[in-house]
Amino acid sequence: MLALSNLTQTLEDVFKRIFITYMDNWRRNTTAEQEALQAKVDAENFYYVILYLMVMIGMFSFIIVAILVSTVKSKIHIVKSAVKKNKKMLLEDSVGGVGS
């Protein structure tokens, strides 16, 4: 049983080394033009990442400002409504008090 597990481990190591070596050689097998193109693509991708982040931050800011404006308008409406109600009640009390 020990020999079988050693064989399995050995086969795994051999296949792993072959695969890693193949992948490393394949990755290194690029020309200068391909490397230049890849560098340009990487730079463009970085530019688009920055652009995407700017758009997302802008949308988030727009939503936050819209919520704040809505809240302030609602509070102003509530305050104005309360002031009108209080004025109306004061006028009714003063008119009602004089007539009684």
PDB file of N, CA and C in Angstrom:
ATOM      1  N   MET A   1       0.823  -1.194   0.000  1.00  0.00           N
ATOM      2  CA  MET A   1       0.000   0.000   0.000  1.00  0.00           C
ATOM      3  C   MET A   1       0.867   1.258   0.000  1.00  0.00           C
ATOM      4  N   LEU A   2       1.978   1.218   0.699  1.00  0.00           N
ATOM      5  CA  LEU A   2       2.891   2.357   0.760  1.00  0.00           C
ATOM      6  C   LEU A   2       3.457   2.665  -0.626  1.00  0.00           C
ATOM      7  N   ALA A   3       3.793   1.617  -1.379  1.00  0.00           N
ATOM      8  CA  ALA A   3       4.345   1.815  -2.718  1.00  0.00           C
ATOM      9  C   ALA A   3       3.308   2.442  -3.645  1.00  0.00           C
ATOM     10  N   LEU A   4       2.036   2.054  -3.490  1.00  0.00           N
ATOM     11  CA  LEU A   4       0.968   2.603  -4.314  1.00  0.00           C
ATOM     12  C   LEU A   4       0.759   4.087  -4.008  1.00  0.00           C
ATOM     13  N   SER A   5       0.781   4.476  -2.739  1.00  0.00           N
ATOM     14  CA  SER A   5       0.606   5.881  -2.394  1.00  0.00           C
ATOM     15  C   SER A   5       1.807   6.698  -2.878  1.00  0.00           C
ATOM     16  N   ASN A   6       3.006   6.122  -2.808  1.00  0.00           N
ATOM     17  CA  ASN A   6       4.177   6.820  -3.336  1.00  0.00           C
ATOM     18  C   ASN A   6       4.071   6.986  -4.840  1.00  0.00           C
ATOM     19  N   LEU A   7       3.563   5.965  -5.516  1.00  0.00           N
ATOM     20  CA  LEU A   7       3.378   6.046  -6.963  1.00  0.00           C
ATOM     21  C   LEU A   7       2.374   7.141  -7.308  1.00  0.00           C
ATOM     22  N   THR A   8       1.286   7.205  -6.576  1.00  0.00           N
ATOM     23  CA  THR A   8       0.266   8.229  -6.805  1.00  0.00           C
ATOM     24  C   THR A   8       0.852   9.623  -6.583  1.00  0.00           C
ATOM     25  N   GLN A   9       1.594   9.771  -5.503  1.00  0.00           N
ATOM     26  CA  GLN A   9       2.219  11.065  -5.211  1.00  0.00           C
ATOM     27  C   GLN A   9       3.233  11.437  -6.290  1.00  0.00           C
ATOM     28  N   THR A  10       3.981  10.458  -6.736  1.00  0.00           N
ATOM     29  CA  THR A  10       4.984  10.702  -7.779  1.00  0.00           C
ATOM     30  C   THR A  10       4.311  11.119  -9.088  1.00  0.00           C
ATOM     31  N   LEU A  11       3.244  10.405  -9.471  1.00  0.00           N
ATOM     32  CA  LEU A  11       2.512  10.762 -10.691  1.00  0.00           C
ATOM     33  C   LEU A  11       1.925  12.172 -10.593  1.00  0.00           C
ATOM     34  N   GLU A  12       1.382  12.484  -9.432  1.00  0.00           N
ATOM     35  CA  GLU A  12       0.824  13.826  -9.241  1.00  0.00           C
ATOM     36  C   GLU A  12       1.911  14.888  -9.393  1.00  0.00           C
ATOM     37  N   ASP A  13       3.056  14.678  -8.788  1.00  0.00           N
ATOM     38  CA  ASP A  13       4.164  15.629  -8.888  1.00  0.00           C
ATOM     39  C   ASP A  13       4.651  15.773 -10.320  1.00  0.00           C
ATOM     40  N   VAL A  14       4.749  14.644 -11.048  1.00  0.00           N
ATOM     41  CA  VAL A  14       5.208  14.678 -12.435  1.00  0.00           C
ATOM     42  C   VAL A  14       4.236  15.477 -13.296  1.00  0.00           C
ATOM     43  N   PHE A  15       2.940  15.181 -13.181  1.00  0.00           N
ATOM     44  CA  PHE A  15       1.948  15.899 -13.981  1.00  0.00           C
ATOM     45  C   PHE A  15       1.919  17.385 -13.615  1.00  0.00           C
ATOM     46  N   LYS A  16       2.062  17.682 -12.336  1.00  0.00           N
ATOM     47  CA  LYS A  16       2.064  19.077 -11.900  1.00  0.00           C
ATOM     48  C   LYS A  16       3.263  19.822 -12.491  1.00  0.00           C
ATOM     49  N   ARG A  17       4.438  19.207 -12.436  1.00  0.00           N
ATOM     50  CA  ARG A  17       5.636  19.845 -12.990  1.00  0.00           C
ATOM     51  C   ARG A  17       5.505  20.048 -14.494  1.00  0.00           C
ATOM     52  N   ILE A  18       4.984  19.038 -15.190  1.00  0.00           N
ATOM     53  CA  ILE A  18       4.809  19.145 -16.649  1.00  0.00           C
ATOM     54  C   ILE A  18       3.848  20.278 -16.979  1.00  0.00           C
ATOM     55  N   PHE A  19       2.725  20.334 -16.280  1.00  0.00           N
ATOM     56  CA  PHE A  19       1.716  21.357 -16.554  1.00  0.00           C
ATOM     57  C   PHE A  19       2.254  22.749 -16.243  1.00  0.00           C
ATOM     58  N   ILE A  20       2.903  22.913 -15.098  1.00  0.00           N
ATOM     59  CA  ILE A  20       3.445  24.223 -14.724  1.00  0.00           C
ATOM     60  C   ILE A  20       4.520  24.666 -15.703  1.00  0.00           C
ATOM     61  N   THR A  21       5.382  23.747 -16.098  1.00  0.00           N
ATOM     62  CA  THR A  21       6.431  24.076 -17.067  1.00  0.00           C
ATOM     63  C   THR A  21       5.823  24.474 -18.403  1.00  0.00           C
ATOM     64  N   TYR A  22       4.815  23.727 -18.843  1.00  0.00           N
ATOM     65  CA  TYR A  22       4.151  24.038 -20.112  1.00  0.00           C
ATOM     66  C   TYR A  22       3.506  25.419 -20.049  1.00  0.00           C
ATOM     67  N   MET A  23       2.796  25.697 -18.971  1.00  0.00           N
ATOM     68  CA  MET A  23       2.113  26.978 -18.855  1.00  0.00           C
ATOM     69  C   MET A  23       3.109  28.134 -18.765  1.00  0.00           C
ATOM     70  N   ASP A  24       4.200  27.956 -18.050  1.00  0.00           N
ATOM     71  CA  ASP A  24       5.217  29.006 -17.957  1.00  0.00           C
ATOM     72  C   ASP A  24       5.853  29.275 -19.321  1.00  0.00           C
ATOM     73  N   ASN A  25       6.173  28.211 -20.046  1.00  0.00           N
ATOM     74  CA  ASN A  25       6.771  28.382 -21.377  1.00  0.00           C
ATOM     75  C   ASN A  25       5.785  29.026 -22.344  1.00  0.00           C
ATOM     76  N   TRP A  26       4.545  28.652 -22.256  1.00  0.00           N
ATOM     77  CA  TRP A  26       3.525  29.215 -23.140  1.00  0.00           C
ATOM     78  C   TRP A  26       3.346  30.706 -22.848  1.00  0.00           C
ATOM     79  N   ARG A  27       3.367  31.071 -21.578  1.00  0.00           N
ATOM     80  CA  ARG A  27       3.193  32.471 -21.199  1.00  0.00           C
ATOM     81  C   ARG A  27       4.395  33.312 -21.643  1.00  0.00           C
ATOM     82  N   ARG A  28       5.582  32.767 -21.575  1.00  0.00           N
ATOM     83  CA  ARG A  28       6.790  33.500 -21.958  1.00  0.00           C
ATOM     84  C   ARG A  28       6.968  33.580 -23.475  1.00  0.00           C
ATOM     85  N   ASN A  29       6.202  32.796 -24.212  1.00  0.00           N
ATOM     86  CA  ASN A  29       6.345  32.742 -25.664  1.00  0.00           C
ATOM     87  C   ASN A  29       5.538  33.871 -26.303  1.00  0.00           C
ATOM     88  N   THR A  30       5.903  35.094 -26.019  1.00  0.00           N
ATOM     89  CA  THR A  30       5.229  36.246 -26.613  1.00  0.00           C
ATOM     90  C   THR A  30       6.267  37.127 -27.288  1.00  0.00           C
ATOM     91  N   THR A  31       5.809  37.833 -28.296  1.00  0.00           N
ATOM     92  CA  THR A  31       6.708  38.725 -29.019  1.00  0.00           C
ATOM     93  C   THR A  31       6.653  40.119 -28.390  1.00  0.00           C
ATOM     94  N   ALA A  32       7.559  40.968 -28.828  1.00  0.00           N
ATOM     95  CA  ALA A  32       7.587  42.340 -28.315  1.00  0.00           C
ATOM     96  C   ALA A  32       6.309  43.081 -28.686  1.00  0.00           C
ATOM     97  N   GLU A  33       5.769  42.791 -29.877  1.00  0.00           N
ATOM     98  CA  GLU A  33       4.534  43.439 -30.312  1.00  0.00           C
ATOM     99  C   GLU A  33       3.366  43.027 -29.409  1.00  0.00           C
ATOM    100  N   GLN A  34       3.330  41.737 -29.092  1.00  0.00           N
ATOM    101  CA  GLN A  34       2.263  41.258 -28.215  1.00  0.00           C
ATOM    102  C   GLN A  34       2.379  41.876 -26.828  1.00  0.00           C
ATOM    103  N   GLU A  35       3.595  42.002 -26.332  1.00  0.00           N
ATOM    104  CA  GLU A  35       3.789  42.610 -25.015  1.00  0.00           C
ATOM    105  C   GLU A  35       3.403  44.083 -25.033  1.00  0.00           C
ATOM    106  N   ALA A  36       3.727  44.781 -26.120  1.00  0.00           N
ATOM    107  CA  ALA A  36       3.350  46.193 -26.239  1.00  0.00           C
ATOM    108  C   ALA A  36       1.838  46.344 -26.304  1.00  0.00           C
ATOM    109  N   LEU A  37       1.203  45.465 -27.075  1.00  0.00           N
ATOM    110  CA  LEU A  37      -0.251  45.494 -27.176  1.00  0.00           C
ATOM    111  C   LEU A  37      -0.883  45.199 -25.827  1.00  0.00           C
ATOM    112  N   GLN A  38      -0.343  44.227 -25.109  1.00  0.00           N
ATOM    113  CA  GLN A  38      -0.877  43.887 -23.791  1.00  0.00           C
ATOM    114  C   GLN A  38      -0.713  45.055 -22.821  1.00  0.00           C
ATOM    115  N   ALA A  39       0.407  45.761 -22.902  1.00  0.00           N
ATOM    116  CA  ALA A  39       0.628  46.928 -22.036  1.00  0.00           C
ATOM    117  C   ALA A  39      -0.397  48.018 -22.347  1.00  0.00           C
ATOM    118  N   LYS A  40      -0.680  48.211 -23.656  1.00  0.00           N
ATOM    119  CA  LYS A  40      -1.664  49.217 -24.048  1.00  0.00           C
ATOM    120  C   LYS A  40      -3.058  48.828 -23.557  1.00  0.00           C
ATOM    121  N   VAL A  41      -3.403  47.567 -23.688  1.00  0.00           N
ATOM    122  CA  VAL A  41      -4.708  47.087 -23.226  1.00  0.00           C
ATOM    123  C   VAL A  41      -4.824  47.243 -21.718  1.00  0.00           C
ATOM    124  N   ASP A  42      -3.758  46.922 -20.994  1.00  0.00           N
ATOM    125  CA  ASP A  42      -3.776  47.083 -19.539  1.00  0.00           C
ATOM    126  C   ASP A  42      -3.982  48.542 -19.160  1.00  0.00           C
ATOM    127  N   ALA A  43      -3.321  49.462 -19.874  1.00  0.00           N
ATOM    128  CA  ALA A  43      -3.479  50.890 -19.597  1.00  0.00           C
ATOM    129  C   ALA A  43      -4.907  51.341 -19.879  1.00  0.00           C
ATOM    130  N   GLU A  44      -5.486  50.862 -20.992  1.00  0.00           N
ATOM    131  CA  GLU A  44      -6.870  51.223 -21.313  1.00  0.00           C
ATOM    132  C   GLU A  44      -7.828  50.660 -20.280  1.00  0.00           C
ATOM    133  N   ASN A  45      -7.594  49.445 -19.847  1.00  0.00           N
ATOM    134  CA  ASN A  45      -8.456  48.854 -18.824  1.00  0.00           C
ATOM    135  C   ASN A  45      -8.406  49.671 -17.546  1.00  0.00           C
ATOM    136  N   PHE A  46      -7.216  50.142 -17.176  1.00  0.00           N
ATOM    137  CA  PHE A  46      -7.089  50.963 -15.979  1.00  0.00           C
ATOM    138  C   PHE A  46      -7.846  52.269 -16.152  1.00  0.00           C
ATOM    139  N   TYR A  47      -7.768  52.861 -17.363  1.00  0.00           N
ATOM    140  CA  TYR A  47      -8.501  54.088 -17.647  1.00  0.00           C
ATOM    141  C   TYR A  47     -10.004  53.851 -17.499  1.00  0.00           C
ATOM    142  N   TYR A  48     -10.504  52.730 -18.013  1.00  0.00           N
ATOM    143  CA  TYR A  48     -11.935  52.440 -17.913  1.00  0.00           C
ATOM    144  C   TYR A  48     -12.343  52.140 -16.479  1.00  0.00           C
ATOM    145  N   VAL A  49     -11.464  51.565 -15.697  1.00  0.00           N
ATOM    146  CA  VAL A  49     -11.778  51.327 -14.278  1.00  0.00           C
ATOM    147  C   VAL A  49     -11.954  52.661 -13.570  1.00  0.00           C
ATOM    148  N   ILE A  50     -11.065  53.607 -13.843  1.00  0.00           N
ATOM    149  CA  ILE A  50     -11.181  54.933 -13.227  1.00  0.00           C
ATOM    150  C   ILE A  50     -12.467  55.616 -13.685  1.00  0.00           C
ATOM    151  N   LEU A  51     -12.761  55.531 -14.974  1.00  0.00           N
ATOM    152  CA  LEU A  51     -13.987  56.123 -15.508  1.00  0.00           C
ATOM    153  C   LEU A  51     -15.218  55.494 -14.861  1.00  0.00           C
ATOM    154  N   TYR A  52     -15.226  54.174 -14.724  1.00  0.00           N
ATOM    155  CA  TYR A  52     -16.339  53.473 -14.098  1.00  0.00           C
ATOM    156  C   TYR A  52     -16.524  53.940 -12.656  1.00  0.00           C
ATOM    157  N   LEU A  53     -15.423  54.055 -11.913  1.00  0.00           N
ATOM    158  CA  LEU A  53     -15.515  54.499 -10.523  1.00  0.00           C
ATOM    159  C   LEU A  53     -16.050  55.927 -10.438  1.00  0.00           C
ATOM    160  N   MET A  54     -15.626  56.789 -11.356  1.00  0.00           N
ATOM    161  CA  MET A  54     -16.124  58.164 -11.351  1.00  0.00           C
ATOM    162  C   MET A  54     -17.632  58.194 -11.613  1.00  0.00           C
ATOM    163  N   VAL A  55     -18.091  57.392 -12.542  1.00  0.00           N
ATOM    164  CA  VAL A  55     -19.523  57.339 -12.849  1.00  0.00           C
ATOM    165  C   VAL A  55     -20.310  56.805 -11.651  1.00  0.00           C
ATOM    166  N   MET A  56     -19.797  55.762 -11.009  1.00  0.00           N
ATOM    167  CA  MET A  56     -20.491  55.197  -9.855  1.00  0.00           C
ATOM    168  C   MET A  56     -20.553  56.194  -8.694  1.00  0.00           C
ATOM    169  N   ILE A  57     -19.456  56.900  -8.452  1.00  0.00           N
ATOM    170  CA  ILE A  57     -19.444  57.902  -7.385  1.00  0.00           C
ATOM    171  C   ILE A  57     -20.406  59.036  -7.720  1.00  0.00           C
ATOM    172  N   GLY A  58     -20.460  59.444  -8.980  1.00  0.00           N
ATOM    173  CA  GLY A  58     -21.403  60.482  -9.399  1.00  0.00           C
ATOM    174  C   GLY A  58     -22.846  60.063  -9.206  1.00  0.00           C
ATOM    175  N   MET A  59     -23.165  58.832  -9.584  1.00  0.00           N
ATOM    176  CA  MET A  59     -24.539  58.343  -9.398  1.00  0.00           C
ATOM    177  C   MET A  59     -24.894  58.268  -7.920  1.00  0.00           C
ATOM    178  N   PHE A  60     -23.969  57.782  -7.119  1.00  0.00           N
ATOM    179  CA  PHE A  60     -24.207  57.686  -5.681  1.00  0.00           C
ATOM    180  C   PHE A  60     -24.429  59.077  -5.094  1.00  0.00           C
ATOM    181  N   SER A  61     -23.615  60.039  -5.507  1.00  0.00           N
ATOM    182  CA  SER A  61     -23.754  61.412  -5.006  1.00  0.00           C
ATOM    183  C   SER A  61     -25.099  61.997  -5.420  1.00  0.00           C
ATOM    184  N   PHE A  62     -25.510  61.753  -6.661  1.00  0.00           N
ATOM    185  CA  PHE A  62     -26.801  62.256  -7.136  1.00  0.00           C
ATOM    186  C   PHE A  62     -27.947  61.701  -6.298  1.00  0.00           C
ATOM    187  N   ILE A  63     -27.892  60.417  -5.992  1.00  0.00           N
ATOM    188  CA  ILE A  63     -28.949  59.792  -5.187  1.00  0.00           C
ATOM    189  C   ILE A  63     -28.960  60.373  -3.778  1.00  0.00           C
ATOM    190  N   ILE A  64     -27.788  60.538  -3.173  1.00  0.00           N
ATOM    191  CA  ILE A  64     -27.717  61.092  -1.824  1.00  0.00           C
ATOM    192  C   ILE A  64     -28.256  62.521  -1.795  1.00  0.00           C
ATOM    193  N   VAL A  65     -27.880  63.342  -2.772  1.00  0.00           N
ATOM    194  CA  VAL A  65     -28.372  64.724  -2.825  1.00  0.00           C
ATOM    195  C   VAL A  65     -29.882  64.742  -3.030  1.00  0.00           C
ATOM    196  N   ALA A  66     -30.400  63.861  -3.877  1.00  0.00           N
ATOM    197  CA  ALA A  66     -31.848  63.807  -4.098  1.00  0.00           C
ATOM    198  C   ALA A  66     -32.578  63.435  -2.812  1.00  0.00           C
ATOM    199  N   ILE A  67     -32.039  62.499  -2.050  1.00  0.00           N
ATOM    200  CA  ILE A  67     -32.662  62.111  -0.774  1.00  0.00           C
ATOM    201  C   ILE A  67     -32.624  63.278   0.207  1.00  0.00           C
ATOM    202  N   LEU A  68     -31.487  63.972   0.269  1.00  0.00           N
ATOM    203  CA  LEU A  68     -31.378  65.109   1.186  1.00  0.00           C
ATOM    204  C   LEU A  68     -32.339  66.228   0.809  1.00  0.00           C
ATOM    205  N   VAL A  69     -32.431  66.545  -0.475  1.00  0.00           N
ATOM    206  CA  VAL A  69     -33.350  67.599  -0.922  1.00  0.00           C
ATOM    207  C   VAL A  69     -34.786  67.213  -0.611  1.00  0.00           C
ATOM    208  N   SER A  70     -35.134  65.972  -0.859  1.00  0.00           N
ATOM    209  CA  SER A  70     -36.483  65.501  -0.571  1.00  0.00           C
ATOM    210  C   SER A  70     -36.792  65.612   0.921  1.00  0.00           C
ATOM    211  N   THR A  71     -35.830  65.247   1.749  1.00  0.00           N
ATOM    212  CA  THR A  71     -36.033  65.321   3.196  1.00  0.00           C
ATOM    213  C   THR A  71     -36.198  66.763   3.649  1.00  0.00           C
ATOM    214  N   VAL A  72     -35.370  67.651   3.136  1.00  0.00           N
ATOM    215  CA  VAL A  72     -35.457  69.062   3.523  1.00  0.00           C
ATOM    216  C   VAL A  72     -36.783  69.653   3.071  1.00  0.00           C
ATOM    217  N   LYS A  73     -37.209  69.359   1.847  1.00  0.00           N
ATOM    218  CA  LYS A  73     -38.494  69.873   1.364  1.00  0.00           C
ATOM    219  C   LYS A  73     -39.642  69.365   2.227  1.00  0.00           C
ATOM    220  N   SER A  74     -39.578  68.106   2.612  1.00  0.00           N
ATOM    221  CA  SER A  74     -40.613  67.530   3.454  1.00  0.00           C
ATOM    222  C   SER A  74     -40.654  68.228   4.812  1.00  0.00           C
ATOM    223  N   LYS A  75     -39.472  68.463   5.397  1.00  0.00           N
ATOM    224  CA  LYS A  75     -39.413  69.142   6.698  1.00  0.00           C
ATOM    225  C   LYS A  75     -39.946  70.568   6.582  1.00  0.00           C
ATOM    226  N   ILE A  76     -39.576  71.276   5.512  1.00  0.00           N
ATOM    227  CA  ILE A  76     -40.059  72.640   5.319  1.00  0.00           C
ATOM    228  C   ILE A  76     -41.577  72.640   5.181  1.00  0.00           C
ATOM    229  N   HIS A  77     -42.115  71.682   4.439  1.00  0.00           N
ATOM    230  CA  HIS A  77     -43.563  71.586   4.263  1.00  0.00           C
ATOM    231  C   HIS A  77     -44.243  71.325   5.601  1.00  0.00           C
ATOM    232  N   ILE A  78     -43.687  70.462   6.409  1.00  0.00           N
ATOM    233  CA  ILE A  78     -44.264  70.153   7.725  1.00  0.00           C
ATOM    234  C   ILE A  78     -44.235  71.391   8.610  1.00  0.00           C
ATOM    235  N   VAL A  79     -43.130  72.113   8.603  1.00  0.00           N
ATOM    236  CA  VAL A  79     -43.023  73.315   9.431  1.00  0.00           C
ATOM    237  C   VAL A  79     -44.011  74.379   8.962  1.00  0.00           C
ATOM    238  N   LYS A  80     -44.100  74.613   7.658  1.00  0.00           N
ATOM    239  CA  LYS A  80     -45.041  75.611   7.139  1.00  0.00           C
ATOM    240  C   LYS A  80     -46.473  75.229   7.477  1.00  0.00           C
ATOM    241  N   SER A  81     -46.779  73.945   7.370  1.00  0.00           N
ATOM    242  CA  SER A  81     -48.116  73.474   7.691  1.00  0.00           C
ATOM    243  C   SER A  81     -48.427  73.701   9.166  1.00  0.00           C
ATOM    244  N   ALA A  82     -47.459  73.436  10.020  1.00  0.00           N
ATOM    245  CA  ALA A  82     -47.662  73.636  11.450  1.00  0.00           C
ATOM    246  C   ALA A  82     -47.824  75.112  11.774  1.00  0.00           C
ATOM    247  N   VAL A  83     -47.053  75.978  11.116  1.00  0.00           N
ATOM    248  CA  VAL A  83     -47.157  77.414  11.349  1.00  0.00           C
ATOM    249  C   VAL A  83     -48.536  77.910  10.921  1.00  0.00           C
ATOM    250  N   LYS A  84     -49.012  77.476   9.762  1.00  0.00           N
ATOM    251  CA  LYS A  84     -50.342  77.879   9.287  1.00  0.00           C
ATOM    252  C   LYS A  84     -51.424  77.407  10.256  1.00  0.00           C
ATOM    253  N   LYS A  85     -51.274  76.184  10.725  1.00  0.00           N
ATOM    254  CA  LYS A  85     -52.267  75.625  11.654  1.00  0.00           C
ATOM    255  C   LYS A  85     -52.267  76.421  12.953  1.00  0.00           C
ATOM    256  N   ASN A  86     -51.092  76.759  13.443  1.00  0.00           N
ATOM    257  CA  ASN A  86     -51.000  77.524  14.680  1.00  0.00           C
ATOM    258  C   ASN A  86     -51.574  78.922  14.502  1.00  0.00           C
ATOM    259  N   LYS A  87     -51.296  79.591  13.370  1.00  0.00           N
ATOM    260  CA  LYS A  87     -51.853  80.913  13.108  1.00  0.00           C
ATOM    261  C   LYS A  87     -53.376  80.856  13.054  1.00  0.00           C
ATOM    262  N   LYS A  88     -53.880  79.819  12.392  1.00  0.00           N
ATOM    263  CA  LYS A  88     -55.327  79.661  12.261  1.00  0.00           C
ATOM    264  C   LYS A  88     -55.958  79.463  13.626  1.00  0.00           C
ATOM    265  N   MET A  89     -55.323  78.637  14.457  1.00  0.00           N
ATOM    266  CA  MET A  89     -55.850  78.385  15.796  1.00  0.00           C
ATOM    267  C   MET A  89     -55.797  79.651  16.649  1.00  0.00           C
ATOM    268  N   LEU A  90     -54.707  80.429  16.522  1.00  0.00           N
ATOM    269  CA  LEU A  90     -54.598  81.672  17.283  1.00  0.00           C
ATOM    270  C   LEU A  90     -55.661  82.668  16.854  1.00  0.00           C
ATOM    271  N   LEU A  91     -55.894  82.762  15.543  1.00  0.00           N
ATOM    272  CA  LEU A  91     -56.927  83.677  15.055  1.00  0.00           C
ATOM    273  C   LEU A  91     -58.314  83.255  15.515  1.00  0.00           C
ATOM    274  N   GLU A  92     -58.590  81.976  15.484  1.00  0.00           N
ATOM    275  CA  GLU A  92     -59.896  81.476  15.928  1.00  0.00           C
ATOM    276  C   GLU A  92     -60.088  81.723  17.415  1.00  0.00           C
ATOM    277  N   ASP A  93     -59.024  81.524  18.192  1.00  0.00           N
ATOM    278  CA  ASP A  93     -59.132  81.753  19.639  1.00  0.00           C
ATOM    279  C   ASP A  93     -59.346  83.228  19.943  1.00  0.00           C
ATOM    280  N   SER A  94     -58.618  84.100  19.215  1.00  0.00           N
ATOM    281  CA  SER A  94     -58.760  85.528  19.484  1.00  0.00           C
ATOM    282  C   SER A  94     -60.137  86.041  19.036  1.00  0.00           C
ATOM    283  N   VAL A  95     -60.628  85.517  17.925  1.00  0.00           N
ATOM    284  CA  VAL A  95     -61.965  85.921  17.455  1.00  0.00           C
ATOM    285  C   VAL A  95     -63.027  85.315  18.339  1.00  0.00           C
ATOM    286  N   GLY A  96     -62.840  84.070  18.704  1.00  0.00           N
ATOM    287  CA  GLY A  96     -63.800  83.397  19.564  1.00  0.00           C
ATOM    288  C   GLY A  96     -63.839  83.999  20.962  1.00  0.00           C
ATOM    289  N   GLY A  97     -62.686  84.438  21.461  1.00  0.00           N
ATOM    290  CA  GLY A  97     -62.613  85.013  22.803  1.00  0.00           C
ATOM    291  C   GLY A  97     -63.293  86.374  22.862  1.00  0.00           C
ATOM    292  N   VAL A  98     -63.232  87.132  21.796  1.00  0.00           N
ATOM    293  CA  VAL A  98     -63.834  88.464  21.775  1.00  0.00           C
ATOM    294  C   VAL A  98     -65.338  88.313  21.710  1.00  0.00           C
ATOM    295  N   GLY A  99     -65.825  87.362  20.945  1.00  0.00           N
ATOM    296  CA  GLY A  99     -67.259  87.216  20.775  1.00  0.00           C
ATOM    297  C   GLY A  99     -67.945  86.604  21.970  1.00  0.00           C
ATOM    298  N   SER A 100     -67.245  85.907  22.850  1.00  0.00           N
ATOM    299  CA  SER A 100     -67.876  85.235  23.976  1.00  0.00           C
ATOM    300  C   SER A 100     -68.222  86.136  25.098  1.00  0.00           C
TER     301      SER A 100
END
